[in-house]
Amino acid sequence: MENMPKKVRSRKLNTKVDLTAMVSISFLLIIFFMITKELAKPTVMDFSLPEKNSCRGSIACINAGRIYTILLGDDDKIITYQGLLDNPLQNPKNVSYGKNGIRKELSNKKINIYNYTGDPNKGPIVIIKPSNKSNYGNLVDILDEMAITKIQTYVIDNDFTPEETKLLAAN
């Protein structure tokens, strides 16, 4: 029995779990959820209302020199005028799409109206009126032009007056 090999006992290794990767992942997850929660918060949009005075809700409360109307017709037709149609400050005219057309016109009106009012907070008020015959792409193009020219006050209105309907049909 002396020559028999002795049983070699296996050494017990210390088992250590490396948690470095787990800590890194947990920090990344915490940062991810903090950012997504911050981005998911509702944002507030500025909403401008007319000043409180005796002529509530009337177009007469707004200085007609600030109003610029864009009528969208069929076949990429744009007709613009400044002021009110019964007494326009600028006679209605046909304008084309693009940087030399409506964009140039909007930029010029913006500068002229700022010079007219003398107040940087009282810029142009653009009324966009797409007709039933205009297409959706034309409306998107006009909204793009509003963003490009940085006109902040505009409204989309599909309520045509009889005079505006005649104007679109005539041109």
N, C-alpha and C. Protein backbone atom coordinates (compact mmCIF):
# COMPACT_ATOMS: atom_id res chain seq x y z
N MET A 1 0.78 -1.17 0.00
CA MET A 1 0.00 0.00 0.00
C MET A 1 0.84 1.26 0.00
N GLU A 2 2.00 1.07 0.18
CA GLU A 2 2.85 2.23 0.19
C GLU A 2 3.04 2.79 -1.20
N ASN A 3 3.01 1.95 -2.17
CA ASN A 3 3.26 2.41 -3.52
C ASN A 3 2.01 3.02 -4.18
N MET A 4 0.93 2.90 -3.56
CA MET A 4 -0.30 3.45 -4.13
C MET A 4 -0.24 4.98 -4.10
N PRO A 5 -0.64 5.52 -5.21
CA PRO A 5 -0.59 6.99 -5.23
C PRO A 5 -1.60 7.58 -4.25
N LYS A 6 -1.18 8.61 -3.67
CA LYS A 6 -2.06 9.29 -2.72
C LYS A 6 -3.13 10.06 -3.48
N LYS A 7 -4.29 10.09 -2.91
CA LYS A 7 -5.35 10.86 -3.53
C LYS A 7 -5.01 12.33 -3.41
N VAL A 8 -5.06 12.95 -4.52
CA VAL A 8 -4.78 14.38 -4.52
C VAL A 8 -6.11 15.09 -4.32
N ARG A 9 -6.16 15.81 -3.32
CA ARG A 9 -7.38 16.58 -3.08
C ARG A 9 -7.34 17.84 -3.91
N SER A 10 -8.46 18.12 -4.55
CA SER A 10 -8.50 19.34 -5.36
C SER A 10 -8.61 20.55 -4.44
N ARG A 11 -7.92 21.54 -4.86
CA ARG A 11 -7.97 22.75 -4.05
C ARG A 11 -9.28 23.46 -4.30
N LYS A 12 -9.82 24.00 -3.27
CA LYS A 12 -11.03 24.80 -3.43
C LYS A 12 -10.63 26.21 -3.83
N LEU A 13 -11.14 26.60 -4.98
CA LEU A 13 -10.84 27.94 -5.45
C LEU A 13 -11.85 28.91 -4.87
N ASN A 14 -11.37 30.07 -4.60
CA ASN A 14 -12.30 31.10 -4.14
C ASN A 14 -13.12 31.56 -5.35
N THR A 15 -14.41 31.48 -5.24
CA THR A 15 -15.26 31.92 -6.35
C THR A 15 -15.63 33.37 -6.12
N LYS A 16 -15.16 34.19 -7.00
CA LYS A 16 -15.49 35.62 -6.94
C LYS A 16 -16.28 35.96 -8.20
N VAL A 17 -17.36 36.67 -8.01
CA VAL A 17 -18.16 37.12 -9.14
C VAL A 17 -17.78 38.56 -9.41
N ASP A 18 -17.38 38.79 -10.63
CA ASP A 18 -17.00 40.14 -11.02
C ASP A 18 -18.26 40.91 -11.42
N LEU A 19 -18.64 41.91 -10.65
CA LEU A 19 -19.87 42.66 -10.87
C LEU A 19 -19.63 43.97 -11.62
N THR A 20 -18.46 44.16 -12.16
CA THR A 20 -18.15 45.40 -12.85
C THR A 20 -19.07 45.62 -14.05
N ALA A 21 -19.27 44.59 -14.83
CA ALA A 21 -20.15 44.72 -15.99
C ALA A 21 -21.59 44.99 -15.57
N MET A 22 -22.03 44.35 -14.49
CA MET A 22 -23.40 44.55 -14.01
C MET A 22 -23.61 45.98 -13.53
N VAL A 23 -22.61 46.54 -12.86
CA VAL A 23 -22.70 47.92 -12.40
C VAL A 23 -22.75 48.87 -13.59
N SER A 24 -21.94 48.62 -14.59
CA SER A 24 -21.94 49.47 -15.78
C SER A 24 -23.29 49.44 -16.48
N ILE A 25 -23.85 48.26 -16.63
CA ILE A 25 -25.15 48.14 -17.29
C ILE A 25 -26.24 48.82 -16.47
N SER A 26 -26.18 48.66 -15.16
CA SER A 26 -27.22 49.29 -14.33
C SER A 26 -27.13 50.81 -14.42
N PHE A 27 -25.94 51.38 -14.46
CA PHE A 27 -25.81 52.83 -14.61
C PHE A 27 -26.32 53.28 -15.99
N LEU A 28 -26.00 52.52 -17.02
CA LEU A 28 -26.50 52.86 -18.35
C LEU A 28 -28.02 52.82 -18.40
N LEU A 29 -28.63 51.82 -17.75
CA LEU A 29 -30.09 51.74 -17.72
C LEU A 29 -30.70 52.91 -16.93
N ILE A 30 -30.07 53.27 -15.83
CA ILE A 30 -30.57 54.41 -15.04
C ILE A 30 -30.52 55.68 -15.87
N ILE A 31 -29.40 55.91 -16.56
CA ILE A 31 -29.27 57.10 -17.40
C ILE A 31 -30.29 57.07 -18.53
N PHE A 32 -30.46 55.89 -19.15
CA PHE A 32 -31.43 55.78 -20.25
C PHE A 32 -32.84 56.13 -19.78
N PHE A 33 -33.27 55.60 -18.65
CA PHE A 33 -34.63 55.87 -18.19
C PHE A 33 -34.79 57.30 -17.71
N MET A 34 -33.73 57.90 -17.17
CA MET A 34 -33.82 59.31 -16.78
C MET A 34 -34.00 60.19 -18.02
N ILE A 35 -33.26 59.91 -19.08
CA ILE A 35 -33.36 60.71 -20.29
C ILE A 35 -34.71 60.52 -20.97
N THR A 36 -35.18 59.28 -21.07
CA THR A 36 -36.47 59.05 -21.72
C THR A 36 -37.61 59.66 -20.93
N LYS A 37 -37.50 59.67 -19.61
CA LYS A 37 -38.54 60.30 -18.81
C LYS A 37 -38.53 61.82 -19.03
N GLU A 38 -37.35 62.39 -19.15
CA GLU A 38 -37.24 63.83 -19.38
C GLU A 38 -37.79 64.20 -20.76
N LEU A 39 -37.51 63.37 -21.76
CA LEU A 39 -37.99 63.66 -23.11
C LEU A 39 -39.49 63.42 -23.26
N ALA A 40 -40.06 62.60 -22.41
CA ALA A 40 -41.48 62.29 -22.50
C ALA A 40 -42.36 63.34 -21.83
N LYS A 41 -41.76 64.31 -21.17
CA LYS A 41 -42.56 65.35 -20.51
C LYS A 41 -43.29 66.17 -21.57
N PRO A 42 -44.53 66.53 -21.31
CA PRO A 42 -45.26 67.36 -22.28
C PRO A 42 -44.64 68.75 -22.37
N THR A 43 -44.63 69.28 -23.57
CA THR A 43 -44.09 70.62 -23.76
C THR A 43 -45.24 71.61 -23.90
N VAL A 44 -44.97 72.83 -23.58
CA VAL A 44 -45.99 73.87 -23.61
C VAL A 44 -45.77 74.72 -24.86
N MET A 45 -46.84 75.00 -25.56
CA MET A 45 -46.76 75.84 -26.74
C MET A 45 -47.33 77.21 -26.39
N ASP A 46 -46.62 78.25 -26.79
CA ASP A 46 -47.12 79.59 -26.55
C ASP A 46 -48.37 79.81 -27.36
N PHE A 47 -49.35 80.39 -26.73
CA PHE A 47 -50.62 80.64 -27.39
C PHE A 47 -50.93 82.10 -27.19
N SER A 48 -50.92 82.85 -28.27
CA SER A 48 -51.14 84.29 -28.14
C SER A 48 -52.61 84.60 -28.36
N LEU A 49 -53.14 85.37 -27.46
CA LEU A 49 -54.52 85.81 -27.54
C LEU A 49 -54.52 87.32 -27.72
N PRO A 50 -55.56 87.85 -28.31
CA PRO A 50 -55.61 89.31 -28.45
C PRO A 50 -55.74 89.97 -27.09
N GLU A 51 -55.28 91.22 -27.04
CA GLU A 51 -55.38 91.95 -25.79
C GLU A 51 -56.84 92.14 -25.42
N LYS A 52 -57.08 92.21 -24.12
CA LYS A 52 -58.46 92.39 -23.66
C LYS A 52 -58.89 93.83 -23.92
N ASN A 53 -59.91 93.96 -24.72
CA ASN A 53 -60.50 95.26 -24.98
C ASN A 53 -61.95 95.07 -25.36
N SER A 54 -62.57 96.11 -25.81
CA SER A 54 -64.01 96.05 -26.04
C SER A 54 -64.41 95.32 -27.32
N CYS A 55 -63.48 95.06 -28.22
CA CYS A 55 -63.87 94.45 -29.50
C CYS A 55 -63.42 92.99 -29.56
N ARG A 56 -63.85 92.19 -28.63
CA ARG A 56 -63.44 90.79 -28.56
C ARG A 56 -63.86 90.00 -29.79
N GLY A 57 -62.92 89.23 -30.29
CA GLY A 57 -63.21 88.30 -31.38
C GLY A 57 -63.45 88.94 -32.73
N SER A 58 -63.32 90.22 -32.83
CA SER A 58 -63.59 90.89 -34.10
C SER A 58 -62.30 91.09 -34.87
N ILE A 59 -62.39 90.99 -36.18
CA ILE A 59 -61.22 91.23 -37.03
C ILE A 59 -60.83 92.71 -36.98
N ALA A 60 -61.77 93.56 -36.55
CA ALA A 60 -61.49 94.99 -36.45
C ALA A 60 -60.47 95.30 -35.37
N CYS A 61 -60.28 94.38 -34.43
CA CYS A 61 -59.31 94.59 -33.36
C CYS A 61 -57.87 94.51 -33.87
N ILE A 62 -57.66 93.81 -34.97
CA ILE A 62 -56.32 93.60 -35.50
C ILE A 62 -56.03 94.68 -36.54
N ASN A 63 -54.84 95.21 -36.48
CA ASN A 63 -54.41 96.19 -37.47
C ASN A 63 -54.39 95.52 -38.84
N ALA A 64 -55.17 96.01 -39.78
CA ALA A 64 -55.29 95.39 -41.10
C ALA A 64 -53.96 95.39 -41.86
N GLY A 65 -53.05 96.28 -41.51
CA GLY A 65 -51.75 96.32 -42.16
C GLY A 65 -50.89 95.11 -41.84
N ARG A 66 -51.22 94.40 -40.78
CA ARG A 66 -50.46 93.21 -40.39
C ARG A 66 -50.99 91.94 -41.04
N ILE A 67 -52.18 91.99 -41.61
CA ILE A 67 -52.82 90.78 -42.15
C ILE A 67 -52.34 90.54 -43.58
N TYR A 68 -51.88 89.33 -43.82
CA TYR A 68 -51.44 88.92 -45.15
C TYR A 68 -52.11 87.59 -45.45
N THR A 69 -52.93 87.53 -46.49
CA THR A 69 -53.72 86.35 -46.79
C THR A 69 -53.14 85.63 -48.00
N ILE A 70 -53.06 84.30 -47.89
CA ILE A 70 -52.59 83.44 -48.97
C ILE A 70 -53.73 82.50 -49.33
N LEU A 71 -54.20 82.61 -50.57
CA LEU A 71 -55.25 81.72 -51.08
C LEU A 71 -54.60 80.65 -51.94
N LEU A 72 -54.88 79.39 -51.62
CA LEU A 72 -54.32 78.27 -52.38
C LEU A 72 -55.40 77.70 -53.28
N GLY A 73 -55.15 77.69 -54.57
CA GLY A 73 -56.11 77.16 -55.53
C GLY A 73 -55.61 75.89 -56.17
N ASP A 74 -56.32 75.48 -57.21
CA ASP A 74 -55.90 74.27 -57.93
C ASP A 74 -54.74 74.60 -58.88
N ASP A 75 -54.08 73.58 -59.36
CA ASP A 75 -52.96 73.72 -60.29
C ASP A 75 -51.83 74.59 -59.73
N ASP A 76 -51.51 74.42 -58.45
CA ASP A 76 -50.41 75.13 -57.78
C ASP A 76 -50.58 76.65 -57.86
N LYS A 77 -51.79 77.12 -57.79
CA LYS A 77 -52.07 78.55 -57.88
C LYS A 77 -52.05 79.16 -56.48
N ILE A 78 -51.35 80.30 -56.35
CA ILE A 78 -51.32 81.06 -55.11
C ILE A 78 -51.72 82.49 -55.43
N ILE A 79 -52.68 83.00 -54.67
CA ILE A 79 -53.06 84.41 -54.78
C ILE A 79 -52.90 85.02 -53.40
N THR A 80 -52.21 86.16 -53.33
CA THR A 80 -51.97 86.81 -52.05
C THR A 80 -52.49 88.24 -52.08
N TYR A 81 -52.84 88.73 -50.89
CA TYR A 81 -53.16 90.14 -50.74
C TYR A 81 -52.92 90.54 -49.29
N GLN A 82 -52.69 91.82 -49.10
CA GLN A 82 -52.44 92.33 -47.75
C GLN A 82 -53.62 93.19 -47.33
N GLY A 83 -54.01 93.05 -46.08
CA GLY A 83 -55.15 93.79 -45.55
C GLY A 83 -56.42 92.98 -45.70
N LEU A 84 -57.55 93.67 -45.74
CA LEU A 84 -58.84 93.02 -45.93
C LEU A 84 -59.23 93.12 -47.39
N LEU A 85 -59.92 92.10 -47.91
CA LEU A 85 -60.19 92.03 -49.35
C LEU A 85 -61.11 93.16 -49.82
N ASP A 86 -62.01 93.65 -48.98
CA ASP A 86 -62.89 94.73 -49.42
C ASP A 86 -62.14 96.05 -49.54
N ASN A 87 -61.00 96.18 -48.85
CA ASN A 87 -60.18 97.38 -48.94
C ASN A 87 -58.71 96.97 -48.75
N PRO A 88 -58.13 96.28 -49.74
CA PRO A 88 -56.78 95.74 -49.55
C PRO A 88 -55.71 96.83 -49.59
N LEU A 89 -54.67 96.62 -48.78
CA LEU A 89 -53.50 97.51 -48.82
C LEU A 89 -52.62 97.17 -50.02
N GLN A 90 -52.71 95.94 -50.46
CA GLN A 90 -51.99 95.49 -51.65
C GLN A 90 -53.00 94.73 -52.49
N ASN A 91 -53.10 95.06 -53.74
CA ASN A 91 -54.04 94.36 -54.62
C ASN A 91 -53.66 92.89 -54.74
N PRO A 92 -54.66 92.02 -54.89
CA PRO A 92 -54.37 90.59 -55.04
C PRO A 92 -53.46 90.33 -56.24
N LYS A 93 -52.50 89.40 -56.03
CA LYS A 93 -51.61 89.05 -57.14
C LYS A 93 -51.27 87.58 -57.09
N ASN A 94 -50.96 87.06 -58.25
CA ASN A 94 -50.54 85.66 -58.39
C ASN A 94 -49.07 85.54 -58.04
N VAL A 95 -48.75 84.51 -57.27
CA VAL A 95 -47.37 84.25 -56.86
C VAL A 95 -47.09 82.78 -57.11
N SER A 96 -45.86 82.46 -57.42
CA SER A 96 -45.49 81.06 -57.64
C SER A 96 -44.84 80.50 -56.38
N TYR A 97 -44.67 79.19 -56.35
CA TYR A 97 -43.96 78.54 -55.25
C TYR A 97 -42.46 78.71 -55.45
N GLY A 98 -41.71 78.55 -54.38
CA GLY A 98 -40.26 78.57 -54.48
C GLY A 98 -39.63 79.79 -53.84
N LYS A 99 -38.30 79.82 -53.88
CA LYS A 99 -37.57 80.88 -53.18
C LYS A 99 -37.71 82.23 -53.86
N ASN A 100 -37.95 82.26 -55.15
CA ASN A 100 -38.14 83.54 -55.84
C ASN A 100 -39.61 83.93 -55.92
N GLY A 101 -40.48 83.08 -55.42
CA GLY A 101 -41.91 83.35 -55.46
C GLY A 101 -42.44 83.71 -54.07
N ILE A 102 -43.11 82.75 -53.46
CA ILE A 102 -43.80 83.01 -52.19
C ILE A 102 -42.81 83.27 -51.06
N ARG A 103 -41.65 82.63 -51.07
CA ARG A 103 -40.67 82.86 -50.00
C ARG A 103 -40.16 84.30 -50.01
N LYS A 104 -39.85 84.79 -51.20
CA LYS A 104 -39.38 86.18 -51.33
C LYS A 104 -40.49 87.14 -50.92
N GLU A 105 -41.71 86.82 -51.32
CA GLU A 105 -42.86 87.66 -50.99
C GLU A 105 -43.08 87.70 -49.46
N LEU A 106 -43.00 86.54 -48.82
CA LEU A 106 -43.19 86.49 -47.36
C LEU A 106 -42.07 87.24 -46.63
N SER A 107 -40.85 87.07 -47.10
CA SER A 107 -39.72 87.77 -46.46
C SER A 107 -39.89 89.28 -46.58
N ASN A 108 -40.28 89.74 -47.77
CA ASN A 108 -40.49 91.18 -47.95
C ASN A 108 -41.64 91.70 -47.09
N LYS A 109 -42.73 90.95 -47.03
CA LYS A 109 -43.87 91.37 -46.20
C LYS A 109 -43.49 91.42 -44.73
N LYS A 110 -42.72 90.45 -44.31
CA LYS A 110 -42.29 90.42 -42.90
C LYS A 110 -41.50 91.67 -42.56
N ILE A 111 -40.55 92.03 -43.41
CA ILE A 111 -39.73 93.23 -43.18
C ILE A 111 -40.61 94.48 -43.23
N ASN A 112 -41.48 94.58 -44.24
CA ASN A 112 -42.34 95.75 -44.37
C ASN A 112 -43.29 95.91 -43.19
N ILE A 113 -43.84 94.81 -42.71
CA ILE A 113 -44.78 94.89 -41.59
C ILE A 113 -44.05 95.24 -40.30
N TYR A 114 -42.86 94.71 -40.10
CA TYR A 114 -42.08 95.10 -38.91
C TYR A 114 -41.75 96.59 -38.97
N ASN A 115 -41.41 97.09 -40.15
CA ASN A 115 -41.14 98.53 -40.29
C ASN A 115 -42.40 99.35 -40.08
N TYR A 116 -43.53 98.83 -40.52
CA TYR A 116 -44.82 99.51 -40.40
C TYR A 116 -45.26 99.62 -38.93
N THR A 117 -45.13 98.53 -38.18
CA THR A 117 -45.57 98.54 -36.79
C THR A 117 -44.53 99.14 -35.86
N GLY A 118 -43.27 98.98 -36.18
CA GLY A 118 -42.21 99.47 -35.32
C GLY A 118 -42.03 98.64 -34.06
N ASP A 119 -42.69 97.51 -33.98
CA ASP A 119 -42.62 96.65 -32.80
C ASP A 119 -42.26 95.24 -33.25
N PRO A 120 -41.13 94.70 -32.74
CA PRO A 120 -40.74 93.34 -33.16
C PRO A 120 -41.72 92.27 -32.70
N ASN A 121 -42.57 92.57 -31.74
CA ASN A 121 -43.57 91.60 -31.28
C ASN A 121 -44.84 91.64 -32.12
N LYS A 122 -44.95 92.59 -33.01
CA LYS A 122 -46.14 92.72 -33.84
C LYS A 122 -45.77 92.54 -35.30
N GLY A 123 -45.51 91.29 -35.63
CA GLY A 123 -45.14 90.95 -37.00
C GLY A 123 -46.37 90.62 -37.83
N PRO A 124 -46.14 90.00 -38.98
CA PRO A 124 -47.26 89.69 -39.86
C PRO A 124 -48.16 88.60 -39.29
N ILE A 125 -49.43 88.69 -39.61
CA ILE A 125 -50.41 87.65 -39.30
C ILE A 125 -50.83 87.07 -40.63
N VAL A 126 -50.40 85.86 -40.91
CA VAL A 126 -50.65 85.23 -42.20
C VAL A 126 -51.86 84.31 -42.08
N ILE A 127 -52.81 84.50 -42.98
CA ILE A 127 -53.99 83.64 -43.04
C ILE A 127 -53.84 82.78 -44.28
N ILE A 128 -53.72 81.48 -44.08
CA ILE A 128 -53.56 80.52 -45.18
C ILE A 128 -54.93 79.91 -45.43
N LYS A 129 -55.41 80.05 -46.66
CA LYS A 129 -56.73 79.53 -47.00
C LYS A 129 -56.63 78.55 -48.17
N PRO A 130 -56.55 77.26 -47.87
CA PRO A 130 -56.53 76.28 -48.97
C PRO A 130 -57.95 76.04 -49.47
N SER A 131 -58.14 76.06 -50.76
CA SER A 131 -59.46 75.78 -51.32
C SER A 131 -59.68 74.27 -51.38
N ASN A 132 -60.89 73.89 -51.69
CA ASN A 132 -61.20 72.46 -51.81
C ASN A 132 -60.45 71.82 -52.97
N LYS A 133 -60.05 72.62 -53.94
CA LYS A 133 -59.37 72.09 -55.12
C LYS A 133 -57.85 72.05 -54.96
N SER A 134 -57.31 72.69 -53.91
CA SER A 134 -55.85 72.65 -53.72
C SER A 134 -55.47 71.30 -53.13
N ASN A 135 -54.22 70.92 -53.32
CA ASN A 135 -53.79 69.63 -52.80
C ASN A 135 -53.02 69.78 -51.50
N TYR A 136 -52.86 68.67 -50.82
CA TYR A 136 -52.21 68.65 -49.51
C TYR A 136 -50.75 69.08 -49.60
N GLY A 137 -50.09 68.73 -50.68
CA GLY A 137 -48.68 69.09 -50.87
C GLY A 137 -48.47 70.60 -50.90
N ASN A 138 -49.43 71.32 -51.49
CA ASN A 138 -49.32 72.78 -51.53
C ASN A 138 -49.42 73.37 -50.13
N LEU A 139 -50.30 72.83 -49.30
CA LEU A 139 -50.42 73.31 -47.93
C LEU A 139 -49.13 73.03 -47.15
N VAL A 140 -48.56 71.86 -47.35
CA VAL A 140 -47.30 71.52 -46.68
C VAL A 140 -46.19 72.46 -47.14
N ASP A 141 -46.16 72.78 -48.44
CA ASP A 141 -45.15 73.70 -48.97
C ASP A 141 -45.28 75.08 -48.33
N ILE A 142 -46.51 75.56 -48.17
CA ILE A 142 -46.71 76.88 -47.54
C ILE A 142 -46.30 76.84 -46.08
N LEU A 143 -46.61 75.76 -45.39
CA LEU A 143 -46.19 75.66 -43.98
C LEU A 143 -44.67 75.60 -43.88
N ASP A 144 -44.01 74.95 -44.82
CA ASP A 144 -42.55 74.96 -44.87
C ASP A 144 -42.02 76.38 -45.06
N GLU A 145 -42.68 77.13 -45.93
CA GLU A 145 -42.26 78.52 -46.16
C GLU A 145 -42.43 79.36 -44.90
N MET A 146 -43.47 79.08 -44.11
CA MET A 146 -43.65 79.79 -42.84
C MET A 146 -42.48 79.52 -41.90
N ALA A 147 -42.03 78.27 -41.88
CA ALA A 147 -40.90 77.91 -41.02
C ALA A 147 -39.60 78.51 -41.54
N ILE A 148 -39.41 78.49 -42.85
CA ILE A 148 -38.17 79.02 -43.44
C ILE A 148 -38.06 80.52 -43.21
N THR A 149 -39.17 81.24 -43.41
CA THR A 149 -39.14 82.70 -43.24
C THR A 149 -39.33 83.13 -41.78
N LYS A 150 -39.53 82.14 -40.91
CA LYS A 150 -39.67 82.39 -39.47
C LYS A 150 -40.85 83.32 -39.14
N ILE A 151 -41.95 83.12 -39.84
CA ILE A 151 -43.18 83.83 -39.52
C ILE A 151 -43.88 83.01 -38.45
N GLN A 152 -44.11 83.63 -37.30
CA GLN A 152 -44.59 82.88 -36.15
C GLN A 152 -46.10 82.90 -35.98
N THR A 153 -46.77 83.88 -36.55
CA THR A 153 -48.21 83.97 -36.36
C THR A 153 -48.90 83.70 -37.69
N TYR A 154 -49.49 82.51 -37.79
CA TYR A 154 -50.25 82.16 -38.97
C TYR A 154 -51.37 81.21 -38.58
N VAL A 155 -52.38 81.18 -39.43
CA VAL A 155 -53.54 80.33 -39.17
C VAL A 155 -53.97 79.70 -40.49
N ILE A 156 -54.49 78.49 -40.41
CA ILE A 156 -55.05 77.82 -41.57
C ILE A 156 -56.56 77.92 -41.44
N ASP A 157 -57.19 78.51 -42.44
CA ASP A 157 -58.63 78.75 -42.41
C ASP A 157 -59.21 78.31 -43.75
N ASN A 158 -60.24 77.50 -43.72
CA ASN A 158 -60.83 77.07 -44.99
C ASN A 158 -62.18 77.74 -45.23
N ASP A 159 -62.46 78.81 -44.52
CA ASP A 159 -63.72 79.53 -44.66
C ASP A 159 -63.51 80.67 -45.65
N PHE A 160 -63.92 80.45 -46.90
CA PHE A 160 -63.75 81.44 -47.95
C PHE A 160 -64.93 82.39 -47.97
N THR A 161 -64.64 83.66 -48.17
CA THR A 161 -65.71 84.62 -48.42
C THR A 161 -66.11 84.49 -49.89
N PRO A 162 -67.30 84.95 -50.26
CA PRO A 162 -67.69 84.89 -51.69
C PRO A 162 -66.73 85.65 -52.59
N GLU A 163 -66.18 86.77 -52.09
CA GLU A 163 -65.22 87.54 -52.89
C GLU A 163 -63.95 86.75 -53.14
N GLU A 164 -63.48 86.00 -52.13
CA GLU A 164 -62.27 85.19 -52.30
C GLU A 164 -62.51 84.05 -53.27
N THR A 165 -63.68 83.48 -53.22
CA THR A 165 -64.02 82.40 -54.16
C THR A 165 -64.04 82.94 -55.58
N LYS A 166 -64.60 84.13 -55.77
CA LYS A 166 -64.61 84.75 -57.11
C LYS A 166 -63.19 85.07 -57.56
N LEU A 167 -62.37 85.55 -56.63
CA LEU A 167 -60.99 85.90 -56.95
C LEU A 167 -60.22 84.67 -57.43
N LEU A 168 -60.39 83.54 -56.73
CA LEU A 168 -59.70 82.31 -57.16
C LEU A 168 -60.22 81.83 -58.51
N ALA A 169 -61.53 81.94 -58.72
CA ALA A 169 -62.11 81.47 -59.99
C ALA A 169 -61.67 82.37 -61.15
N ALA A 170 -61.53 83.65 -60.90
CA ALA A 170 -61.16 84.59 -61.96
C ALA A 170 -59.71 84.43 -62.39
N ASN A 171 -58.85 84.10 -61.43
CA ASN A 171 -57.42 83.98 -61.76
C ASN A 171 -57.16 82.55 -62.11
